[in-house]
N, C-alpha and C. Protein backbone atom coordinates (compact mmCIF):
# COMPACT_ATOMS: atom_id res chain seq x y z
N MET A 1 16.00 0.80 92.00
CA MET A 1 16.48 -0.48 92.53
C MET A 1 17.35 -1.18 91.53
N ILE A 2 18.54 -1.58 91.89
CA ILE A 2 19.47 -2.28 91.09
C ILE A 2 19.35 -3.80 91.35
N SER A 3 19.14 -4.55 90.28
CA SER A 3 19.04 -6.00 90.46
C SER A 3 20.37 -6.62 90.04
N THR A 4 20.80 -7.59 90.81
CA THR A 4 22.03 -8.33 90.53
C THR A 4 21.75 -9.47 89.55
N LYS A 5 22.52 -9.48 88.51
CA LYS A 5 22.35 -10.57 87.55
C LYS A 5 22.99 -11.82 88.09
N LEU A 6 22.40 -12.95 87.79
CA LEU A 6 22.93 -14.23 88.17
C LEU A 6 23.96 -14.75 87.18
N THR A 7 24.89 -15.52 87.63
CA THR A 7 25.76 -16.24 86.69
C THR A 7 25.02 -17.56 86.35
N LEU A 8 25.53 -18.22 85.37
CA LEU A 8 24.97 -19.53 84.99
C LEU A 8 25.15 -20.49 86.16
N ALA A 9 26.31 -20.48 86.79
CA ALA A 9 26.54 -21.32 87.96
C ALA A 9 25.57 -21.04 89.10
N ASP A 10 25.28 -19.75 89.32
CA ASP A 10 24.29 -19.37 90.38
C ASP A 10 22.92 -19.96 90.01
N TYR A 11 22.54 -19.78 88.79
CA TYR A 11 21.23 -20.29 88.33
C TYR A 11 21.13 -21.82 88.52
N LEU A 12 22.19 -22.53 88.06
CA LEU A 12 22.13 -23.96 88.13
C LEU A 12 22.21 -24.48 89.58
N SER A 13 22.70 -23.65 90.49
CA SER A 13 22.78 -24.10 91.91
C SER A 13 21.51 -23.78 92.69
N LEU A 14 20.57 -23.06 92.11
CA LEU A 14 19.31 -22.80 92.81
C LEU A 14 18.59 -24.09 93.12
N GLU A 15 18.22 -24.28 94.36
CA GLU A 15 17.46 -25.45 94.74
C GLU A 15 15.97 -25.29 94.52
N ASP A 16 15.49 -24.10 94.77
CA ASP A 16 14.09 -23.79 94.54
C ASP A 16 13.98 -22.79 93.42
N GLY A 17 13.66 -23.30 92.24
CA GLY A 17 13.48 -22.45 91.10
C GLY A 17 12.11 -21.84 91.03
N PRO A 18 11.85 -21.09 90.01
CA PRO A 18 10.51 -20.51 89.84
C PRO A 18 9.44 -21.60 89.66
N GLU A 19 8.23 -21.29 90.03
CA GLU A 19 7.13 -22.24 89.91
C GLU A 19 6.68 -22.43 88.45
N SER A 20 6.91 -21.41 87.62
CA SER A 20 6.43 -21.48 86.27
C SER A 20 7.59 -21.92 85.34
N ARG A 21 7.19 -22.18 84.08
CA ARG A 21 8.21 -22.51 83.05
C ARG A 21 9.06 -21.29 82.81
N CYS A 22 10.39 -21.54 82.77
CA CYS A 22 11.27 -20.36 82.57
C CYS A 22 12.50 -20.79 81.88
N GLU A 23 13.27 -19.79 81.39
CA GLU A 23 14.58 -19.95 80.83
C GLU A 23 15.53 -18.97 81.54
N PHE A 24 16.81 -19.22 81.38
CA PHE A 24 17.81 -18.35 81.97
C PHE A 24 18.52 -17.67 80.79
N VAL A 25 18.39 -16.31 80.67
CA VAL A 25 18.92 -15.60 79.53
C VAL A 25 19.58 -14.29 80.04
N ASP A 26 20.85 -14.10 79.67
CA ASP A 26 21.54 -12.86 80.03
C ASP A 26 21.51 -12.51 81.50
N GLY A 27 21.71 -13.55 82.35
CA GLY A 27 21.76 -13.32 83.80
C GLY A 27 20.44 -13.18 84.48
N GLU A 28 19.35 -13.37 83.74
CA GLU A 28 18.02 -13.24 84.38
C GLU A 28 17.14 -14.46 84.11
N ILE A 29 16.30 -14.76 85.06
CA ILE A 29 15.29 -15.80 84.89
C ILE A 29 14.12 -15.17 84.17
N VAL A 30 13.81 -15.75 82.97
CA VAL A 30 12.75 -15.21 82.12
C VAL A 30 11.59 -16.22 82.12
N GLU A 31 10.43 -15.74 82.58
CA GLU A 31 9.25 -16.60 82.63
C GLU A 31 8.67 -16.72 81.21
N LEU A 32 8.37 -17.95 80.80
CA LEU A 32 7.81 -18.18 79.49
C LEU A 32 6.28 -18.08 79.58
N PRO A 33 5.68 -17.53 78.53
CA PRO A 33 4.22 -17.47 78.54
C PRO A 33 3.62 -18.84 78.43
N PRO A 34 2.36 -18.99 78.85
CA PRO A 34 1.74 -20.32 78.73
C PRO A 34 1.65 -20.70 77.24
N GLU A 35 1.68 -21.99 76.98
CA GLU A 35 1.54 -22.48 75.64
C GLU A 35 0.05 -22.37 75.24
N SER A 36 -0.15 -22.20 73.96
CA SER A 36 -1.54 -22.19 73.45
C SER A 36 -2.02 -23.64 73.39
N PRO A 37 -3.35 -23.84 73.46
CA PRO A 37 -3.90 -25.17 73.32
C PRO A 37 -3.43 -25.88 72.04
N GLN A 38 -3.39 -25.11 70.91
CA GLN A 38 -2.98 -25.67 69.64
C GLN A 38 -1.53 -26.16 69.73
N ASN A 39 -0.63 -25.35 70.30
CA ASN A 39 0.76 -25.75 70.41
C ASN A 39 0.94 -26.95 71.28
N ASN A 40 0.16 -27.03 72.36
CA ASN A 40 0.23 -28.23 73.23
C ASN A 40 -0.22 -29.48 72.47
N LEU A 41 -1.30 -29.35 71.68
CA LEU A 41 -1.73 -30.52 70.89
C LEU A 41 -0.68 -30.94 69.86
N ILE A 42 -0.08 -29.97 69.21
CA ILE A 42 0.96 -30.27 68.21
C ILE A 42 2.10 -31.01 68.88
N SER A 43 2.61 -30.53 69.98
CA SER A 43 3.77 -31.15 70.62
C SER A 43 3.39 -32.55 71.20
N LEU A 44 2.17 -32.69 71.70
CA LEU A 44 1.72 -34.00 72.15
C LEU A 44 1.57 -35.01 71.02
N PHE A 45 1.02 -34.53 69.91
CA PHE A 45 0.84 -35.39 68.74
C PHE A 45 2.24 -35.84 68.25
N LEU A 46 3.19 -34.90 68.10
CA LEU A 46 4.52 -35.26 67.65
C LEU A 46 5.15 -36.26 68.64
N LEU A 47 4.99 -36.04 69.90
CA LEU A 47 5.51 -36.97 70.91
C LEU A 47 4.96 -38.36 70.63
N SER A 48 3.66 -38.42 70.41
CA SER A 48 3.03 -39.76 70.20
C SER A 48 3.61 -40.38 68.95
N GLN A 49 3.91 -39.63 67.91
CA GLN A 49 4.45 -40.15 66.68
C GLN A 49 5.92 -40.61 66.87
N LEU A 50 6.66 -39.83 67.63
CA LEU A 50 8.08 -40.18 67.86
C LEU A 50 8.19 -41.41 68.75
N LEU A 51 7.18 -41.66 69.59
CA LEU A 51 7.18 -42.87 70.43
C LEU A 51 7.18 -44.12 69.59
N GLN A 52 6.73 -44.04 68.36
CA GLN A 52 6.78 -45.18 67.47
C GLN A 52 8.17 -45.43 66.90
N GLN A 53 9.05 -44.46 67.08
CA GLN A 53 10.39 -44.55 66.55
C GLN A 53 11.50 -44.75 67.59
N VAL A 54 11.28 -44.21 68.80
CA VAL A 54 12.28 -44.24 69.82
C VAL A 54 11.72 -44.60 71.18
N SER A 55 12.58 -44.98 72.08
CA SER A 55 12.19 -45.36 73.43
C SER A 55 11.66 -44.13 74.21
N LEU A 56 10.67 -44.39 75.05
CA LEU A 56 10.12 -43.31 75.88
C LEU A 56 11.18 -42.61 76.69
N ARG A 57 12.21 -43.33 77.18
CA ARG A 57 13.26 -42.70 78.01
C ARG A 57 14.12 -41.71 77.22
N TRP A 58 14.01 -41.74 75.91
CA TRP A 58 14.74 -40.79 75.06
C TRP A 58 13.97 -39.47 74.87
N LEU A 59 12.73 -39.43 75.23
CA LEU A 59 11.88 -38.28 74.93
C LEU A 59 11.66 -37.37 76.12
N ARG A 60 11.70 -36.06 75.87
CA ARG A 60 11.41 -35.07 76.89
C ARG A 60 10.49 -34.02 76.24
N ARG A 61 9.45 -33.56 77.02
CA ARG A 61 8.51 -32.59 76.47
C ARG A 61 8.31 -31.48 77.53
N MET A 62 8.89 -30.33 77.24
CA MET A 62 8.70 -29.13 78.10
C MET A 62 9.04 -29.35 79.56
N ASP A 63 9.94 -30.30 79.82
CA ASP A 63 10.27 -30.60 81.21
C ASP A 63 11.77 -30.68 81.52
N THR A 64 12.61 -30.51 80.53
CA THR A 64 14.04 -30.62 80.71
C THR A 64 14.73 -29.46 80.10
N GLN A 65 15.51 -28.80 80.97
CA GLN A 65 16.28 -27.59 80.52
C GLN A 65 17.52 -28.02 79.78
N LEU A 66 18.00 -27.12 78.88
CA LEU A 66 19.16 -27.38 78.04
C LEU A 66 20.09 -26.18 78.16
N VAL A 67 21.33 -26.42 78.63
CA VAL A 67 22.32 -25.36 78.72
C VAL A 67 22.96 -25.17 77.34
N VAL A 68 22.88 -23.92 76.85
CA VAL A 68 23.52 -23.55 75.58
C VAL A 68 24.18 -22.20 75.70
N THR A 69 25.42 -22.09 75.35
CA THR A 69 26.17 -20.81 75.33
C THR A 69 25.85 -19.87 76.47
N GLY A 70 25.95 -20.37 77.70
CA GLY A 70 25.71 -19.52 78.87
C GLY A 70 24.27 -19.22 79.16
N ARG A 71 23.37 -19.82 78.47
CA ARG A 71 21.93 -19.67 78.64
C ARG A 71 21.31 -21.02 78.94
N VAL A 72 20.07 -20.99 79.42
CA VAL A 72 19.36 -22.20 79.70
C VAL A 72 18.01 -22.09 78.99
N ARG A 73 17.76 -22.98 78.05
CA ARG A 73 16.52 -23.02 77.28
C ARG A 73 15.62 -24.18 77.76
N LEU A 74 14.36 -24.08 77.45
CA LEU A 74 13.39 -25.13 77.76
C LEU A 74 12.69 -25.50 76.45
N PRO A 75 13.24 -26.41 75.71
CA PRO A 75 12.65 -26.79 74.40
C PRO A 75 11.28 -27.42 74.60
N ASP A 76 10.49 -27.34 73.57
CA ASP A 76 9.13 -27.97 73.59
C ASP A 76 9.25 -29.50 73.58
N LEU A 77 10.23 -30.00 72.80
CA LEU A 77 10.39 -31.44 72.68
C LEU A 77 11.83 -31.73 72.34
N MET A 78 12.34 -32.85 72.91
CA MET A 78 13.69 -33.30 72.61
C MET A 78 13.75 -34.79 72.51
N VAL A 79 14.59 -35.29 71.58
CA VAL A 79 14.94 -36.70 71.51
C VAL A 79 16.40 -36.77 71.97
N LEU A 80 16.67 -37.54 73.02
CA LEU A 80 17.97 -37.52 73.69
C LEU A 80 19.01 -38.38 73.08
N GLY A 81 18.70 -39.65 72.84
CA GLY A 81 19.70 -40.63 72.52
C GLY A 81 20.16 -41.33 73.80
N GLU A 82 20.72 -42.53 73.68
CA GLU A 82 21.05 -43.33 74.86
C GLU A 82 22.11 -42.70 75.76
N PRO A 83 23.24 -42.20 75.25
CA PRO A 83 24.23 -41.59 76.17
C PRO A 83 23.68 -40.43 76.97
N LEU A 84 22.86 -39.62 76.36
CA LEU A 84 22.26 -38.49 77.12
C LEU A 84 21.22 -38.95 78.10
N ALA A 85 20.40 -39.92 77.73
CA ALA A 85 19.38 -40.46 78.61
C ALA A 85 20.07 -41.01 79.87
N GLU A 86 21.16 -41.74 79.74
CA GLU A 86 21.90 -42.28 80.86
C GLU A 86 22.49 -41.15 81.71
N ALA A 87 23.07 -40.16 81.06
CA ALA A 87 23.63 -39.02 81.81
C ALA A 87 22.57 -38.30 82.64
N LEU A 88 21.40 -38.09 82.07
CA LEU A 88 20.32 -37.43 82.80
C LEU A 88 19.83 -38.26 83.99
N GLU A 89 19.77 -39.54 83.81
CA GLU A 89 19.35 -40.42 84.93
C GLU A 89 20.22 -40.26 86.14
N ASN A 90 21.51 -39.98 85.93
CA ASN A 90 22.45 -39.83 87.03
C ASN A 90 22.62 -38.39 87.51
N ALA A 91 21.86 -37.46 86.90
CA ALA A 91 21.99 -36.04 87.27
C ALA A 91 21.05 -35.72 88.41
N GLY A 92 21.32 -34.69 89.11
CA GLY A 92 20.51 -34.28 90.24
C GLY A 92 19.23 -33.53 89.86
N ARG A 93 19.22 -32.98 88.64
CA ARG A 93 18.04 -32.26 88.16
C ARG A 93 17.88 -32.50 86.66
N SER A 94 16.73 -32.16 86.15
CA SER A 94 16.45 -32.43 84.78
C SER A 94 16.99 -31.29 83.90
N THR A 95 18.30 -31.14 83.89
CA THR A 95 18.98 -30.14 83.10
C THR A 95 20.09 -30.78 82.31
N ILE A 96 20.15 -30.55 81.02
CA ILE A 96 21.22 -31.08 80.19
C ILE A 96 22.37 -30.07 80.30
N ALA A 97 23.39 -30.43 81.05
CA ALA A 97 24.56 -29.58 81.27
C ALA A 97 25.50 -29.56 80.09
N GLU A 98 26.39 -28.58 80.07
CA GLU A 98 27.32 -28.44 78.97
C GLU A 98 28.19 -29.65 78.71
N GLU A 99 28.56 -30.32 79.78
CA GLU A 99 29.47 -31.50 79.62
C GLU A 99 28.75 -32.77 79.17
N MET A 100 27.40 -32.73 79.08
CA MET A 100 26.63 -33.89 78.64
C MET A 100 26.54 -33.89 77.10
N PRO A 101 26.26 -35.04 76.54
CA PRO A 101 26.08 -35.06 75.09
C PRO A 101 24.91 -34.18 74.68
N ALA A 102 24.93 -33.76 73.41
CA ALA A 102 23.83 -32.98 72.88
C ALA A 102 22.64 -33.87 72.51
N PRO A 103 21.40 -33.34 72.64
CA PRO A 103 20.25 -34.12 72.17
C PRO A 103 20.38 -34.39 70.65
N LEU A 104 19.74 -35.46 70.21
CA LEU A 104 19.75 -35.80 68.80
C LEU A 104 18.86 -34.85 68.00
N LEU A 105 17.74 -34.44 68.62
CA LEU A 105 16.76 -33.59 67.92
C LEU A 105 16.12 -32.69 68.97
N VAL A 106 15.99 -31.42 68.59
CA VAL A 106 15.25 -30.44 69.42
C VAL A 106 14.13 -29.88 68.50
N VAL A 107 12.93 -29.75 69.11
CA VAL A 107 11.78 -29.24 68.37
C VAL A 107 11.21 -28.07 69.14
N GLU A 108 10.93 -26.96 68.46
CA GLU A 108 10.26 -25.82 69.04
C GLU A 108 8.99 -25.55 68.27
N VAL A 109 7.91 -25.32 68.95
CA VAL A 109 6.65 -24.93 68.35
C VAL A 109 6.50 -23.44 68.61
N VAL A 110 6.48 -22.67 67.53
CA VAL A 110 6.51 -21.18 67.64
C VAL A 110 5.16 -20.69 68.18
N SER A 111 5.23 -19.87 69.19
CA SER A 111 4.07 -19.16 69.71
C SER A 111 3.96 -17.85 68.98
N PRO A 112 2.75 -17.27 68.81
CA PRO A 112 2.63 -15.99 68.11
C PRO A 112 3.37 -14.90 68.89
N GLY A 113 3.86 -13.92 68.12
CA GLY A 113 4.54 -12.76 68.73
C GLY A 113 5.98 -12.67 68.27
N LYS A 114 6.45 -11.44 68.06
CA LYS A 114 7.80 -11.21 67.60
C LYS A 114 8.86 -11.74 68.53
N VAL A 115 8.72 -11.56 69.83
CA VAL A 115 9.68 -12.06 70.79
C VAL A 115 9.87 -13.57 70.65
N ASN A 116 8.72 -14.31 70.57
CA ASN A 116 8.80 -15.74 70.43
C ASN A 116 9.42 -16.17 69.10
N GLU A 117 9.06 -15.48 68.00
CA GLU A 117 9.64 -15.78 66.70
C GLU A 117 11.12 -15.53 66.66
N ASP A 118 11.59 -14.39 67.25
CA ASP A 118 13.01 -14.13 67.30
C ASP A 118 13.73 -15.20 68.09
N ARG A 119 13.17 -15.64 69.20
CA ARG A 119 13.80 -16.64 70.03
C ARG A 119 13.92 -17.96 69.26
N ASP A 120 12.86 -18.41 68.60
CA ASP A 120 12.90 -19.71 67.92
C ASP A 120 13.66 -19.70 66.62
N TYR A 121 13.49 -18.64 65.85
CA TYR A 121 14.15 -18.58 64.51
C TYR A 121 15.57 -18.06 64.56
N ARG A 122 15.88 -17.15 65.44
CA ARG A 122 17.21 -16.55 65.42
C ARG A 122 18.11 -17.02 66.54
N TYR A 123 17.74 -16.74 67.73
CA TYR A 123 18.64 -16.93 68.90
C TYR A 123 18.86 -18.42 69.13
N GLN A 124 17.81 -19.19 69.24
CA GLN A 124 17.97 -20.60 69.54
C GLN A 124 18.65 -21.33 68.34
N ARG A 125 18.43 -20.87 67.15
CA ARG A 125 19.07 -21.49 65.98
C ARG A 125 20.56 -21.45 66.15
N SER A 126 21.11 -20.28 66.47
CA SER A 126 22.59 -20.21 66.62
C SER A 126 23.04 -20.91 67.90
N GLU A 127 22.23 -20.88 68.97
CA GLU A 127 22.62 -21.51 70.22
C GLU A 127 22.62 -23.03 70.04
N TYR A 128 21.64 -23.60 69.35
CA TYR A 128 21.58 -25.02 69.18
C TYR A 128 22.69 -25.48 68.24
N ALA A 129 23.01 -24.69 67.23
CA ALA A 129 24.11 -25.07 66.34
C ALA A 129 25.42 -25.09 67.10
N ALA A 130 25.67 -24.04 67.94
CA ALA A 130 26.89 -24.01 68.75
C ALA A 130 26.98 -25.19 69.72
N ARG A 131 25.83 -25.65 70.20
CA ARG A 131 25.75 -26.79 71.16
C ARG A 131 25.96 -28.11 70.41
N GLY A 132 25.92 -28.10 69.06
CA GLY A 132 26.15 -29.35 68.31
C GLY A 132 24.93 -30.22 68.16
N ILE A 133 23.74 -29.63 68.17
CA ILE A 133 22.52 -30.39 68.05
C ILE A 133 22.30 -30.67 66.57
N GLY A 134 22.35 -31.93 66.20
CA GLY A 134 22.35 -32.32 64.76
C GLY A 134 21.13 -31.98 63.99
N GLU A 135 19.99 -31.90 64.68
CA GLU A 135 18.71 -31.67 63.97
C GLU A 135 17.83 -30.80 64.86
N TYR A 136 17.26 -29.76 64.26
CA TYR A 136 16.39 -28.79 64.95
C TYR A 136 15.18 -28.51 64.08
N TRP A 137 14.00 -28.72 64.60
CA TRP A 137 12.79 -28.46 63.84
C TRP A 137 12.07 -27.26 64.45
N ILE A 138 11.63 -26.36 63.56
CA ILE A 138 10.80 -25.22 64.01
C ILE A 138 9.43 -25.42 63.41
N LEU A 139 8.43 -25.74 64.26
CA LEU A 139 7.08 -25.90 63.82
C LEU A 139 6.34 -24.59 64.01
N ASP A 140 5.81 -24.01 62.95
CA ASP A 140 5.20 -22.66 63.01
C ASP A 140 3.75 -22.74 62.57
N PRO A 141 2.83 -22.97 63.47
CA PRO A 141 1.41 -23.11 63.10
C PRO A 141 0.80 -21.88 62.43
N SER A 142 1.23 -20.68 62.86
CA SER A 142 0.63 -19.47 62.29
C SER A 142 1.04 -19.24 60.84
N ARG A 143 2.17 -19.83 60.44
CA ARG A 143 2.62 -19.72 59.04
C ARG A 143 2.41 -20.99 58.27
N ASP A 144 1.85 -22.02 58.95
CA ASP A 144 1.68 -23.34 58.34
C ASP A 144 2.98 -23.83 57.69
N ARG A 145 4.02 -23.76 58.50
CA ARG A 145 5.35 -24.08 57.99
C ARG A 145 6.16 -24.87 59.00
N VAL A 146 6.98 -25.77 58.55
CA VAL A 146 7.96 -26.48 59.36
C VAL A 146 9.34 -26.24 58.71
N THR A 147 10.27 -25.84 59.53
CA THR A 147 11.66 -25.68 59.08
C THR A 147 12.49 -26.78 59.69
N VAL A 148 13.11 -27.57 58.86
CA VAL A 148 13.99 -28.63 59.33
C VAL A 148 15.44 -28.12 59.13
N LEU A 149 16.12 -28.03 60.23
CA LEU A 149 17.52 -27.57 60.22
C LEU A 149 18.47 -28.74 60.52
N THR A 150 19.38 -28.96 59.62
CA THR A 150 20.34 -30.05 59.80
C THR A 150 21.71 -29.48 59.92
N LEU A 151 22.47 -29.88 60.96
CA LEU A 151 23.80 -29.33 61.21
C LEU A 151 24.82 -29.92 60.23
N VAL A 152 25.47 -29.06 59.48
CA VAL A 152 26.49 -29.43 58.53
C VAL A 152 27.71 -28.51 58.76
N ASP A 153 28.81 -29.05 59.15
CA ASP A 153 30.05 -28.27 59.39
C ASP A 153 29.80 -27.09 60.33
N GLY A 154 29.02 -27.29 61.38
CA GLY A 154 28.83 -26.27 62.40
C GLY A 154 27.74 -25.27 62.14
N LEU A 155 27.08 -25.32 60.96
CA LEU A 155 26.04 -24.42 60.63
C LEU A 155 24.82 -25.23 60.19
N TYR A 156 23.61 -24.66 60.40
CA TYR A 156 22.39 -25.32 59.98
C TYR A 156 22.08 -25.06 58.52
N GLU A 157 21.72 -26.13 57.80
CA GLU A 157 21.16 -26.03 56.48
C GLU A 157 19.66 -26.18 56.68
N ALA A 158 18.87 -25.27 56.09
CA ALA A 158 17.43 -25.23 56.32
C ALA A 158 16.65 -25.77 55.13
N GLN A 159 15.61 -26.49 55.47
CA GLN A 159 14.62 -26.94 54.47
C GLN A 159 13.26 -26.49 54.99
N GLU A 160 12.56 -25.64 54.23
CA GLU A 160 11.24 -25.18 54.62
C GLU A 160 10.17 -26.00 53.93
N LEU A 161 9.19 -26.49 54.76
CA LEU A 161 8.17 -27.37 54.27
C LEU A 161 6.78 -26.71 54.60
N THR A 162 5.80 -26.91 53.68
CA THR A 162 4.47 -26.41 53.92
C THR A 162 3.44 -27.47 53.41
N GLY A 163 2.22 -27.32 53.90
CA GLY A 163 1.08 -28.09 53.37
C GLY A 163 1.28 -29.58 53.21
N SER A 164 1.27 -30.02 51.99
CA SER A 164 1.37 -31.46 51.68
C SER A 164 2.83 -31.94 51.58
N ASP A 165 3.79 -31.03 51.79
CA ASP A 165 5.19 -31.48 51.84
C ASP A 165 5.37 -32.49 52.96
N THR A 166 6.21 -33.47 52.74
CA THR A 166 6.42 -34.53 53.71
C THR A 166 7.64 -34.24 54.56
N LEU A 167 7.41 -34.21 55.85
CA LEU A 167 8.53 -34.07 56.83
C LEU A 167 9.16 -35.40 57.09
N THR A 168 10.44 -35.50 56.75
CA THR A 168 11.21 -36.70 57.13
C THR A 168 12.41 -36.26 57.94
N SER A 169 12.94 -37.12 58.70
CA SER A 169 14.04 -36.79 59.55
C SER A 169 15.32 -37.48 59.06
N PRO A 170 16.37 -36.72 58.88
CA PRO A 170 17.65 -37.37 58.55
C PRO A 170 18.07 -38.38 59.65
N ARG A 171 17.77 -38.08 60.88
CA ARG A 171 18.19 -38.88 62.01
C ARG A 171 17.28 -40.10 62.23
N PHE A 172 15.98 -39.92 61.92
CA PHE A 172 15.00 -40.99 62.14
C PHE A 172 14.25 -41.20 60.78
N PRO A 173 14.90 -41.98 59.86
CA PRO A 173 14.35 -42.11 58.51
C PRO A 173 12.99 -42.74 58.44
N GLU A 174 12.53 -43.47 59.43
CA GLU A 174 11.25 -44.13 59.43
C GLU A 174 10.11 -43.10 59.67
N PHE A 175 10.48 -41.96 60.29
CA PHE A 175 9.50 -40.90 60.59
C PHE A 175 9.11 -40.17 59.31
N SER A 176 7.79 -40.08 59.05
CA SER A 176 7.30 -39.39 57.87
C SER A 176 5.87 -38.99 58.07
N MET A 177 5.60 -37.71 57.82
CA MET A 177 4.22 -37.21 57.81
C MET A 177 4.20 -35.84 57.14
N THR A 178 3.04 -35.47 56.69
CA THR A 178 2.92 -34.16 55.98
C THR A 178 2.89 -33.02 57.02
N VAL A 179 3.25 -31.88 56.58
CA VAL A 179 3.18 -30.69 57.43
C VAL A 179 1.75 -30.46 57.89
N ALA A 180 0.79 -30.63 57.00
CA ALA A 180 -0.63 -30.43 57.36
C ALA A 180 -1.03 -31.45 58.46
N GLN A 181 -0.62 -32.71 58.39
CA GLN A 181 -0.94 -33.66 59.45
C GLN A 181 -0.35 -33.22 60.75
N LEU A 182 0.88 -32.78 60.77
CA LEU A 182 1.59 -32.40 61.99
C LEU A 182 1.03 -31.15 62.63
N LEU A 183 0.73 -30.14 61.84
CA LEU A 183 0.26 -28.87 62.37
C LEU A 183 -1.25 -28.83 62.64
N ASN A 184 -1.97 -29.85 62.20
CA ASN A 184 -3.43 -29.96 62.44
C ASN A 184 -3.75 -31.36 62.99
N PRO A 185 -3.25 -31.66 64.17
CA PRO A 185 -3.29 -33.02 64.70
C PRO A 185 -4.75 -33.56 64.93
N CYS A 186 -5.71 -32.66 65.02
CA CYS A 186 -7.08 -33.10 65.23
C CYS A 186 -7.87 -33.10 63.92
N GLY A 187 -7.18 -32.81 62.81
CA GLY A 187 -7.79 -32.86 61.51
C GLY A 187 -8.55 -31.58 61.10
N SER A 188 -8.49 -30.55 61.92
CA SER A 188 -9.14 -29.29 61.53
C SER A 188 -8.28 -28.55 60.56
N ALA A 189 -8.91 -27.88 59.63
CA ALA A 189 -8.19 -27.16 58.62
C ALA A 189 -7.89 -25.73 59.08
């Protein structure tokens, strides 16, 4: 059986998408595995911390798709900024299209497994840089590491943080917490 690949336009025109969380990659709708309870807690905790810095209308958590280089990703967390928040309010679906401004910050919480690690560390890194996303954080609970990527002249400069290292944001200078606090939101070691 030969399956026909979709174009990005075909995918974006679908009125009834899949019931599960998915991304659009290389002409195919790819179902994402369920998040682990730990990853959900980490992204919820980070959301609660970012709410102290930015308006709720600027935040999206696992519910807004992002078009990047002919693909559609579903980031774990995004901080939009006012122009993008306004553009999304006027859109017909919760998808950040190519003609919309880029999010200010995208955060991915790495799930275990090589496919997930490749997606978060390799593919999305280049896709988000090409999209012009100024700041990208990779939270990796299995390695107890946070990678802060800052866009400089079209490429990301990486800073790797662990344990008691303090995560600060170039975009949100008031935000500050240790990697251990962020990756262990319930205080378990």
